[in-house]
Amino acid sequence: MSDAALRRRRLFLPLIVGLVALAWASLFLWEASPWGRYLEHGDWTEVGLAGRICSAIWGGTWLAPVLIYAGGWLLMSAAMMLPTALPLLAIFERLTEPRGDRAALRALVVAGYLAVWSSFGLAAHLIDVGLHTLVSRSAWLAANGWMVGAAVLALAGAFQFSALKYHCLDKCRTPFSFVHAHWRDRHPGWESFRLGVDHGLFCVGCCWAIMLIMFVVGAGSVGWMLMLGAVMAVEKNAAWGRRISAPLGAGLLVWSGLVVAQNVWG
């Protein structure tokens, strides 16, 4: 390998780590700023300066929240999920090292991966908006909103024991086989983007239930993001990571049971 290739390889990991660090720093600053509430579930489109702006422009009361949440979720995806994809990116980096368009191809992999997670975040946000609308129109649900949180925790816990969970997790834990099964070098740009999309789909299939917990604890909680991101990174990349799936599921089911017990008998 030439000296130039070695230098590029040494730069690749720091660049990806730098991107992740920038995403985390942006989230920390966003949460600490006066605009931190825009990451949360609330009526910020109806009050204050944001409310006046949203009411003055076409589609402001629904378009602005979607764009804000989409931007926030993209940052969360880069911060939480890109570290879990580092083994795949490193393998693809070695595979495309001799190519002159290697940087563009790697960027397409990342773009495809984040596009899937952004789409999932937008869908989850729309479902969350629907649930909040349903709760606001039902006095019984408004008084028993804890049931939604308990149901999400129970769903996330039960999913940890499913065959789909382990199928997707195994795909995520074998990046070498995944890259070589998807990369043919016939249409490099399209194949690179599809590689990111396909890996992102398996990643969503593995982690979607855990990510939904963010809507229980608060989508703007950086502390919870760090913890859940670390759990998913260990589960997908550590040699013993597969073994934590079942205990994690059991813990989530117990958490759901405690929420129910606290509200029914507390």
C-alpha atoms as a PDB file:
ATOM      1  CA  MET A   1       0.000   0.000   0.000  1.00  0.00           C
ATOM      2  CA  SER A   2       1.354   3.438  -0.942  1.00  0.00           C
ATOM      3  CA  ASP A   3       2.139   6.156   1.594  1.00  0.00           C
ATOM      4  CA  ALA A   4      -0.762   8.239   0.239  1.00  0.00           C
ATOM      5  CA  ALA A   5      -3.178   5.340   0.710  1.00  0.00           C
ATOM      6  CA  LEU A   6      -1.956   4.810   4.253  1.00  0.00           C
ATOM      7  CA  ARG A   7      -2.467   8.482   5.046  1.00  0.00           C
ATOM      8  CA  ARG A   8      -6.001   8.375   3.643  1.00  0.00           C
ATOM      9  CA  ARG A   9      -6.817   5.297   5.705  1.00  0.00           C
ATOM     10  CA  ARG A  10      -5.510   6.951   8.853  1.00  0.00           C
ATOM     11  CA  LEU A  11      -7.710   9.975   8.123  1.00  0.00           C
ATOM     12  CA  PHE A  12     -10.899   7.989   7.473  1.00  0.00           C
ATOM     13  CA  LEU A  13     -11.684   6.922  11.051  1.00  0.00           C
ATOM     14  CA  PRO A  14     -10.899  10.359  12.568  1.00  0.00           C
ATOM     15  CA  LEU A  15     -13.189  11.983   9.984  1.00  0.00           C
ATOM     16  CA  ILE A  16     -16.097   9.681  10.824  1.00  0.00           C
ATOM     17  CA  VAL A  17     -15.446  10.059  14.564  1.00  0.00           C
ATOM     18  CA  GLY A  18     -15.272  13.825  14.032  1.00  0.00           C
ATOM     19  CA  LEU A  19     -18.659  13.759  12.290  1.00  0.00           C
ATOM     20  CA  VAL A  20     -20.187  11.828  15.180  1.00  0.00           C
ATOM     21  CA  ALA A  21     -18.562  14.150  17.733  1.00  0.00           C
ATOM     22  CA  LEU A  22     -19.910  17.169  15.847  1.00  0.00           C
ATOM     23  CA  ALA A  23     -23.412  15.673  15.912  1.00  0.00           C
ATOM     24  CA  TRP A  24     -23.173  15.067  19.670  1.00  0.00           C
ATOM     25  CA  ALA A  25     -21.824  18.563  20.279  1.00  0.00           C
ATOM     26  CA  SER A  26     -24.660  20.058  18.229  1.00  0.00           C
ATOM     27  CA  LEU A  27     -27.224  18.098  20.234  1.00  0.00           C
ATOM     28  CA  PHE A  28     -25.681  19.170  23.557  1.00  0.00           C
ATOM     29  CA  LEU A  29     -25.667  22.826  22.478  1.00  0.00           C
ATOM     30  CA  TRP A  30     -29.200  22.549  21.095  1.00  0.00           C
ATOM     31  CA  GLU A  31     -30.513  21.024  24.315  1.00  0.00           C
ATOM     32  CA  ALA A  32     -28.786  23.689  26.438  1.00  0.00           C
ATOM     33  CA  SER A  33     -29.955  26.579  24.266  1.00  0.00           C
ATOM     34  CA  PRO A  34     -33.264  28.482  24.519  1.00  0.00           C
ATOM     35  CA  TRP A  35     -34.377  26.403  21.501  1.00  0.00           C
ATOM     36  CA  GLY A  36     -33.875  23.103  23.289  1.00  0.00           C
ATOM     37  CA  ARG A  37     -37.634  22.770  23.756  1.00  0.00           C
ATOM     38  CA  TYR A  38     -37.971  22.331  19.987  1.00  0.00           C
ATOM     39  CA  LEU A  39     -36.613  18.804  20.385  1.00  0.00           C
ATOM     40  CA  GLU A  40     -39.354  17.943  22.863  1.00  0.00           C
ATOM     41  CA  HIS A  41     -43.025  17.141  22.474  1.00  0.00           C
ATOM     42  CA  GLY A  42     -44.897  20.293  23.269  1.00  0.00           C
ATOM     43  CA  ASP A  43     -47.047  23.123  21.943  1.00  0.00           C
ATOM     44  CA  TRP A  44     -44.117  25.370  21.030  1.00  0.00           C
ATOM     45  CA  THR A  45     -45.726  26.063  17.621  1.00  0.00           C
ATOM     46  CA  GLU A  46     -48.595  27.788  19.427  1.00  0.00           C
ATOM     47  CA  VAL A  47     -46.807  30.048  21.938  1.00  0.00           C
ATOM     48  CA  GLY A  48     -44.172  32.773  21.973  1.00  0.00           C
ATOM     49  CA  LEU A  49     -42.138  33.959  18.970  1.00  0.00           C
ATOM     50  CA  ALA A  50     -42.159  30.501  17.376  1.00  0.00           C
ATOM     51  CA  GLY A  51     -45.938  30.414  17.583  1.00  0.00           C
ATOM     52  CA  ARG A  52     -46.267  33.847  15.942  1.00  0.00           C
ATOM     53  CA  ILE A  53     -43.908  32.846  13.131  1.00  0.00           C
ATOM     54  CA  CYS A  54     -45.651  29.516  12.550  1.00  0.00           C
ATOM     55  CA  SER A  55     -49.089  31.146  12.429  1.00  0.00           C
ATOM     56  CA  ALA A  56     -47.876  33.806   9.977  1.00  0.00           C
ATOM     57  CA  ILE A  57     -46.552  31.475   7.272  1.00  0.00           C
ATOM     58  CA  TRP A  58     -48.330  28.887   5.156  1.00  0.00           C
ATOM     59  CA  GLY A  59     -48.093  25.440   6.695  1.00  0.00           C
ATOM     60  CA  GLY A  60     -46.115  26.803   9.626  1.00  0.00           C
ATOM     61  CA  THR A  61     -48.069  24.962  12.291  1.00  0.00           C
ATOM     62  CA  TRP A  62     -47.319  21.557  10.736  1.00  0.00           C
ATOM     63  CA  LEU A  63     -44.370  22.098   8.354  1.00  0.00           C
ATOM     64  CA  ALA A  64     -42.080  23.802  10.888  1.00  0.00           C
ATOM     65  CA  PRO A  65     -42.372  21.002  13.484  1.00  0.00           C
ATOM     66  CA  VAL A  66     -41.731  18.360  10.812  1.00  0.00           C
ATOM     67  CA  LEU A  67     -38.603  20.150   9.581  1.00  0.00           C
ATOM     68  CA  ILE A  68     -37.326  20.781  13.109  1.00  0.00           C
ATOM     69  CA  TYR A  69     -37.855  17.182  14.171  1.00  0.00           C
ATOM     70  CA  ALA A  70     -36.366  15.901  10.898  1.00  0.00           C
ATOM     71  CA  GLY A  71     -33.227  17.958  11.525  1.00  0.00           C
ATOM     72  CA  GLY A  72     -33.048  16.850  15.143  1.00  0.00           C
ATOM     73  CA  TRP A  73     -33.563  13.210  14.225  1.00  0.00           C
ATOM     74  CA  LEU A  74     -30.851  13.415  11.555  1.00  0.00           C
ATOM     75  CA  LEU A  75     -28.457  14.678  14.208  1.00  0.00           C
ATOM     76  CA  MET A  76     -29.549  11.910  16.588  1.00  0.00           C
ATOM     77  CA  SER A  77     -29.082   9.306  13.865  1.00  0.00           C
ATOM     78  CA  ALA A  78     -25.568  10.528  13.101  1.00  0.00           C
ATOM     79  CA  ALA A  79     -24.693  10.642  16.797  1.00  0.00           C
ATOM     80  CA  MET A  80     -26.295   7.370  17.904  1.00  0.00           C
ATOM     81  CA  MET A  81     -26.264   5.096  14.848  1.00  0.00           C
ATOM     82  CA  LEU A  82     -23.158   5.972  12.810  1.00  0.00           C
ATOM     83  CA  PRO A  83     -20.875   4.536  15.540  1.00  0.00           C
ATOM     84  CA  THR A  84     -22.713   1.218  15.229  1.00  0.00           C
ATOM     85  CA  ALA A  85     -21.977   1.209  11.472  1.00  0.00           C
ATOM     86  CA  LEU A  86     -18.235   1.903  11.806  1.00  0.00           C
ATOM     87  CA  PRO A  87     -17.157  -1.721  11.100  1.00  0.00           C
ATOM     88  CA  LEU A  88     -19.077  -1.727   7.809  1.00  0.00           C
ATOM     89  CA  LEU A  89     -17.691   1.682   6.828  1.00  0.00           C
ATOM     90  CA  ALA A  90     -14.153   0.560   7.642  1.00  0.00           C
ATOM     91  CA  ILE A  91     -14.530  -2.555   5.442  1.00  0.00           C
ATOM     92  CA  PHE A  92     -15.965  -0.508   2.584  1.00  0.00           C
ATOM     93  CA  GLU A  93     -13.107   1.979   3.005  1.00  0.00           C
ATOM     94  CA  ARG A  94     -10.536  -0.789   2.524  1.00  0.00           C
ATOM     95  CA  LEU A  95     -12.448  -2.234  -0.428  1.00  0.00           C
ATOM     96  CA  THR A  96     -12.610   1.086  -2.315  1.00  0.00           C
ATOM     97  CA  GLU A  97      -9.138   2.315  -1.343  1.00  0.00           C
ATOM     98  CA  PRO A  98      -7.659   2.091  -4.893  1.00  0.00           C
ATOM     99  CA  ARG A  99     -10.515   4.062  -6.493  1.00  0.00           C
ATOM    100  CA  GLY A 100     -10.267   7.724  -7.400  1.00  0.00           C
ATOM    101  CA  ASP A 101     -13.906   8.301  -6.434  1.00  0.00           C
ATOM    102  CA  ARG A 102     -13.575   6.545  -3.056  1.00  0.00           C
ATOM    103  CA  ALA A 103     -14.558   9.606  -0.977  1.00  0.00           C
ATOM    104  CA  ALA A 104     -17.779  10.122  -2.945  1.00  0.00           C
ATOM    105  CA  LEU A 105     -18.676   6.427  -2.688  1.00  0.00           C
ATOM    106  CA  ARG A 106     -18.171   6.389   1.089  1.00  0.00           C
ATOM    107  CA  ALA A 107     -20.268   9.543   1.407  1.00  0.00           C
ATOM    108  CA  LEU A 108     -23.042   7.800  -0.542  1.00  0.00           C
ATOM    109  CA  VAL A 109     -22.967   4.851   1.878  1.00  0.00           C
ATOM    110  CA  VAL A 110     -23.350   7.234   4.821  1.00  0.00           C
ATOM    111  CA  ALA A 111     -26.082   9.182   2.989  1.00  0.00           C
ATOM    112  CA  GLY A 112     -28.063   6.015   2.279  1.00  0.00           C
ATOM    113  CA  TYR A 113     -27.716   4.860   5.882  1.00  0.00           C
ATOM    114  CA  LEU A 114     -28.838   8.183   7.338  1.00  0.00           C
ATOM    115  CA  ALA A 115     -31.676   8.476   4.787  1.00  0.00           C
ATOM    116  CA  VAL A 116     -33.232   5.286   6.168  1.00  0.00           C
ATOM    117  CA  TRP A 117     -32.928   6.438   9.769  1.00  0.00           C
ATOM    118  CA  SER A 118     -34.287   9.895   8.875  1.00  0.00           C
ATOM    119  CA  SER A 119     -37.296   8.270   7.175  1.00  0.00           C
ATOM    120  CA  PHE A 120     -37.886   6.120  10.250  1.00  0.00           C
ATOM    121  CA  GLY A 121     -37.647   9.194  12.486  1.00  0.00           C
ATOM    122  CA  LEU A 122     -40.162  11.096  10.361  1.00  0.00           C
ATOM    123  CA  ALA A 123     -42.589   8.154  10.413  1.00  0.00           C
ATOM    124  CA  ALA A 124     -42.174   7.758  14.181  1.00  0.00           C
ATOM    125  CA  HIS A 125     -42.760  11.486  14.656  1.00  0.00           C
ATOM    126  CA  LEU A 126     -45.971  11.393  12.617  1.00  0.00           C
ATOM    127  CA  ILE A 127     -47.216   8.410  14.646  1.00  0.00           C
ATOM    128  CA  ASP A 128     -46.297  10.267  17.826  1.00  0.00           C
ATOM    129  CA  VAL A 129     -48.242  13.330  16.648  1.00  0.00           C
ATOM    130  CA  GLY A 130     -51.228  11.088  15.918  1.00  0.00           C
ATOM    131  CA  LEU A 131     -51.052   9.579  19.398  1.00  0.00           C
ATOM    132  CA  HIS A 132     -50.846  13.011  21.025  1.00  0.00           C
ATOM    133  CA  THR A 133     -53.852  14.146  18.985  1.00  0.00           C
ATOM    134  CA  LEU A 134     -55.775  11.052  20.047  1.00  0.00           C
ATOM    135  CA  VAL A 135     -54.873  11.621  23.712  1.00  0.00           C
ATOM    136  CA  SER A 136     -55.889  15.290  23.535  1.00  0.00           C
ATOM    137  CA  ARG A 137     -59.340  14.279  22.282  1.00  0.00           C
ATOM    138  CA  SER A 138     -59.929  11.610  24.904  1.00  0.00           C
ATOM    139  CA  ALA A 139     -60.309  12.580  28.542  1.00  0.00           C
ATOM    140  CA  TRP A 140     -59.724   8.956  29.571  1.00  0.00           C
ATOM    141  CA  LEU A 141     -56.474   8.663  27.609  1.00  0.00           C
ATOM    142  CA  ALA A 142     -55.334  12.071  28.869  1.00  0.00           C
ATOM    143  CA  ALA A 143     -55.793  10.837  32.434  1.00  0.00           C
ATOM    144  CA  ASN A 144     -54.089   7.526  31.680  1.00  0.00           C
ATOM    145  CA  GLY A 145     -51.330   8.604  29.299  1.00  0.00           C
ATOM    146  CA  TRP A 146     -48.880   6.427  31.198  1.00  0.00           C
ATOM    147  CA  MET A 147     -50.428   3.435  29.448  1.00  0.00           C
ATOM    148  CA  VAL A 148     -48.882   4.517  26.140  1.00  0.00           C
ATOM    149  CA  GLY A 149     -45.423   4.655  27.711  1.00  0.00           C
ATOM    150  CA  ALA A 150     -45.912   1.269  29.374  1.00  0.00           C
ATOM    151  CA  ALA A 151     -47.078  -0.220  26.061  1.00  0.00           C
ATOM    152  CA  VAL A 152     -44.030   1.122  24.191  1.00  0.00           C
ATOM    153  CA  LEU A 153     -41.680  -0.287  26.825  1.00  0.00           C
ATOM    154  CA  ALA A 154     -43.451  -3.661  26.719  1.00  0.00           C
ATOM    155  CA  LEU A 155     -43.313  -3.699  22.905  1.00  0.00           C
ATOM    156  CA  ALA A 156     -39.600  -2.860  22.922  1.00  0.00           C
ATOM    157  CA  GLY A 157     -38.937  -5.561  25.519  1.00  0.00           C
ATOM    158  CA  ALA A 158     -40.945  -8.259  23.724  1.00  0.00           C
ATOM    159  CA  PHE A 159     -39.266  -7.444  20.394  1.00  0.00           C
ATOM    160  CA  GLN A 160     -35.877  -8.271  21.909  1.00  0.00           C
ATOM    161  CA  PHE A 161     -36.918 -11.941  21.963  1.00  0.00           C
ATOM    162  CA  SER A 162     -38.264 -12.067  18.385  1.00  0.00           C
ATOM    163  CA  ALA A 163     -36.759 -13.944  15.442  1.00  0.00           C
ATOM    164  CA  LEU A 164     -36.810 -10.731  13.364  1.00  0.00           C
ATOM    165  CA  LYS A 165     -34.668  -8.988  15.970  1.00  0.00           C
ATOM    166  CA  TYR A 166     -31.974 -11.671  15.839  1.00  0.00           C
ATOM    167  CA  HIS A 167     -32.110 -11.969  12.040  1.00  0.00           C
ATOM    168  CA  CYS A 168     -31.474  -8.248  11.628  1.00  0.00           C
ATOM    169  CA  LEU A 169     -28.911  -8.197  14.447  1.00  0.00           C
ATOM    170  CA  ASP A 170     -26.919 -11.005  12.820  1.00  0.00           C
ATOM    171  CA  LYS A 171     -26.849  -9.057   9.536  1.00  0.00           C
ATOM    172  CA  CYS A 172     -25.536  -6.013  11.400  1.00  0.00           C
ATOM    173  CA  ARG A 173     -22.902  -8.080  13.216  1.00  0.00           C
ATOM    174  CA  THR A 174     -21.390  -9.521   9.987  1.00  0.00           C
ATOM    175  CA  PRO A 175     -20.406  -6.410   7.999  1.00  0.00           C
ATOM    176  CA  PHE A 176     -17.722  -8.217   5.953  1.00  0.00           C
ATOM    177  CA  SER A 177     -20.231 -10.693   4.512  1.00  0.00           C
ATOM    178  CA  PHE A 178     -22.800  -7.924   4.084  1.00  0.00           C
ATOM    179  CA  VAL A 179     -20.476  -5.682   2.049  1.00  0.00           C
ATOM    180  CA  HIS A 180     -19.277  -8.497  -0.201  1.00  0.00           C
ATOM    181  CA  ALA A 181     -22.841  -9.681  -0.792  1.00  0.00           C
ATOM    182  CA  HIS A 182     -24.008  -6.207  -1.870  1.00  0.00           C
ATOM    183  CA  TRP A 183     -20.987  -4.711  -3.670  1.00  0.00           C
ATOM    184  CA  ARG A 184     -20.555  -5.727  -7.343  1.00  0.00           C
ATOM    185  CA  ASP A 185     -18.735  -2.614  -8.658  1.00  0.00           C
ATOM    186  CA  ARG A 186     -20.937  -2.473 -11.754  1.00  0.00           C
ATOM    187  CA  HIS A 187     -22.764   0.745 -10.868  1.00  0.00           C
ATOM    188  CA  PRO A 188     -20.530   2.109  -8.072  1.00  0.00           C
ATOM    189  CA  GLY A 189     -22.554   5.169  -7.083  1.00  0.00           C
ATOM    190  CA  TRP A 190     -25.905   3.415  -6.974  1.00  0.00           C
ATOM    191  CA  GLU A 191     -24.454   0.306  -5.277  1.00  0.00           C
ATOM    192  CA  SER A 192     -22.793   2.466  -2.611  1.00  0.00           C
ATOM    193  CA  PHE A 193     -26.039   4.259  -1.827  1.00  0.00           C
ATOM    194  CA  ARG A 194     -27.965   0.962  -1.838  1.00  0.00           C
ATOM    195  CA  LEU A 195     -25.379  -0.564   0.475  1.00  0.00           C
ATOM    196  CA  GLY A 196     -26.054   2.217   2.980  1.00  0.00           C
ATOM    197  CA  VAL A 197     -29.823   1.893   2.524  1.00  0.00           C
ATOM    198  CA  ASP A 198     -29.846  -1.911   2.873  1.00  0.00           C
ATOM    199  CA  HIS A 199     -27.616  -1.836   5.936  1.00  0.00           C
ATOM    200  CA  GLY A 200     -29.772   0.940   7.374  1.00  0.00           C
ATOM    201  CA  LEU A 201     -32.907  -1.148   6.859  1.00  0.00           C
ATOM    202  CA  PHE A 202     -31.427  -4.062   8.784  1.00  0.00           C
ATOM    203  CA  CYS A 203     -30.213  -1.618  11.427  1.00  0.00           C
ATOM    204  CA  VAL A 204     -33.721  -0.162  11.774  1.00  0.00           C
ATOM    205  CA  GLY A 205     -35.101  -3.714  11.891  1.00  0.00           C
ATOM    206  CA  CYS A 206     -32.726  -4.466  14.744  1.00  0.00           C
ATOM    207  CA  CYS A 207     -33.067  -1.251  16.755  1.00  0.00           C
ATOM    208  CA  TRP A 208     -36.421   0.399  15.953  1.00  0.00           C
ATOM    209  CA  ALA A 209     -38.078  -0.700  19.176  1.00  0.00           C
ATOM    210  CA  ILE A 210     -35.226   0.607  21.314  1.00  0.00           C
ATOM    211  CA  MET A 211     -35.268   3.913  19.447  1.00  0.00           C
ATOM    212  CA  LEU A 212     -38.994   4.284  20.203  1.00  0.00           C
ATOM    213  CA  ILE A 213     -38.007   4.545  23.875  1.00  0.00           C
ATOM    214  CA  MET A 214     -36.770   8.041  22.996  1.00  0.00           C
ATOM    215  CA  PHE A 215     -40.426   9.035  22.598  1.00  0.00           C
ATOM    216  CA  VAL A 216     -41.123   7.769  26.125  1.00  0.00           C
ATOM    217  CA  VAL A 217     -38.194   9.439  27.904  1.00  0.00           C
ATOM    218  CA  GLY A 218     -38.099  12.552  25.686  1.00  0.00           C
ATOM    219  CA  ALA A 219     -36.579  12.902  22.235  1.00  0.00           C
ATOM    220  CA  GLY A 220     -34.422  15.792  23.411  1.00  0.00           C
ATOM    221  CA  SER A 221     -32.726  13.957  26.291  1.00  0.00           C
ATOM    222  CA  VAL A 222     -29.043  13.766  25.354  1.00  0.00           C
ATOM    223  CA  GLY A 223     -28.304  11.593  28.389  1.00  0.00           C
ATOM    224  CA  TRP A 224     -30.757   8.948  27.227  1.00  0.00           C
ATOM    225  CA  MET A 225     -29.363   9.206  23.690  1.00  0.00           C
ATOM    226  CA  LEU A 226     -25.876   8.455  25.002  1.00  0.00           C
ATOM    227  CA  MET A 227     -27.051   5.469  27.009  1.00  0.00           C
ATOM    228  CA  LEU A 228     -29.218   3.939  24.279  1.00  0.00           C
ATOM    229  CA  GLY A 229     -26.566   4.608  21.641  1.00  0.00           C
ATOM    230  CA  ALA A 230     -23.964   2.839  23.768  1.00  0.00           C
ATOM    231  CA  VAL A 231     -26.279  -0.150  24.286  1.00  0.00           C
ATOM    232  CA  MET A 232     -26.927  -0.490  20.544  1.00  0.00           C
ATOM    233  CA  ALA A 233     -23.231  -0.109  19.703  1.00  0.00           C
ATOM    234  CA  VAL A 234     -22.309  -2.891  22.149  1.00  0.00           C
ATOM    235  CA  GLU A 235     -25.130  -5.129  20.936  1.00  0.00           C
ATOM    236  CA  LYS A 236     -24.066  -4.799  17.290  1.00  0.00           C
ATOM    237  CA  ASN A 237     -20.259  -4.602  17.529  1.00  0.00           C
ATOM    238  CA  ALA A 238     -18.956  -6.260  20.703  1.00  0.00           C
ATOM    239  CA  ALA A 239     -18.023  -9.946  20.491  1.00  0.00           C
ATOM    240  CA  TRP A 240     -20.436 -10.675  23.343  1.00  0.00           C
ATOM    241  CA  GLY A 241     -23.005  -8.088  22.262  1.00  0.00           C
ATOM    242  CA  ARG A 242     -25.598 -10.606  21.066  1.00  0.00           C
ATOM    243  CA  ARG A 243     -25.908 -11.942  24.612  1.00  0.00           C
ATOM    244  CA  ILE A 244     -27.274  -8.687  26.024  1.00  0.00           C
ATOM    245  CA  SER A 245     -30.392  -8.694  23.795  1.00  0.00           C
ATOM    246  CA  ALA A 246     -32.445 -11.016  26.008  1.00  0.00           C
ATOM    247  CA  PRO A 247     -31.457  -9.390  29.343  1.00  0.00           C
ATOM    248  CA  LEU A 248     -32.194  -5.990  27.802  1.00  0.00           C
ATOM    249  CA  GLY A 249     -35.633  -7.225  26.733  1.00  0.00           C
ATOM    250  CA  ALA A 250     -36.314  -8.597  30.208  1.00  0.00           C
ATOM    251  CA  GLY A 251     -35.279  -5.277  31.741  1.00  0.00           C
ATOM    252  CA  LEU A 252     -37.636  -3.339  29.486  1.00  0.00           C
ATOM    253  CA  LEU A 253     -40.528  -5.676  30.345  1.00  0.00           C
ATOM    254  CA  VAL A 254     -39.820  -5.207  34.057  1.00  0.00           C
ATOM    255  CA  TRP A 255     -39.685  -1.429  33.535  1.00  0.00           C
ATOM    256  CA  SER A 256     -43.075  -1.583  31.803  1.00  0.00           C
ATOM    257  CA  GLY A 257     -44.478  -3.642  34.675  1.00  0.00           C
ATOM    258  CA  LEU A 258     -43.178  -1.122  37.210  1.00  0.00           C
ATOM    259  CA  VAL A 259     -44.852   1.731  35.326  1.00  0.00           C
ATOM    260  CA  VAL A 260     -48.143  -0.186  35.407  1.00  0.00           C
ATOM    261  CA  ALA A 261     -47.758  -1.079  39.083  1.00  0.00           C
ATOM    262  CA  GLN A 262     -46.913   2.502  40.061  1.00  0.00           C
ATOM    263  CA  ASN A 263     -49.992   3.889  38.320  1.00  0.00           C
ATOM    264  CA  VAL A 264     -52.458   1.137  39.240  1.00  0.00           C
ATOM    265  CA  TRP A 265     -51.438   0.392  42.813  1.00  0.00           C
ATOM    266  CA  GLY A 266     -49.156   3.313  43.635  1.00  0.00           C
END
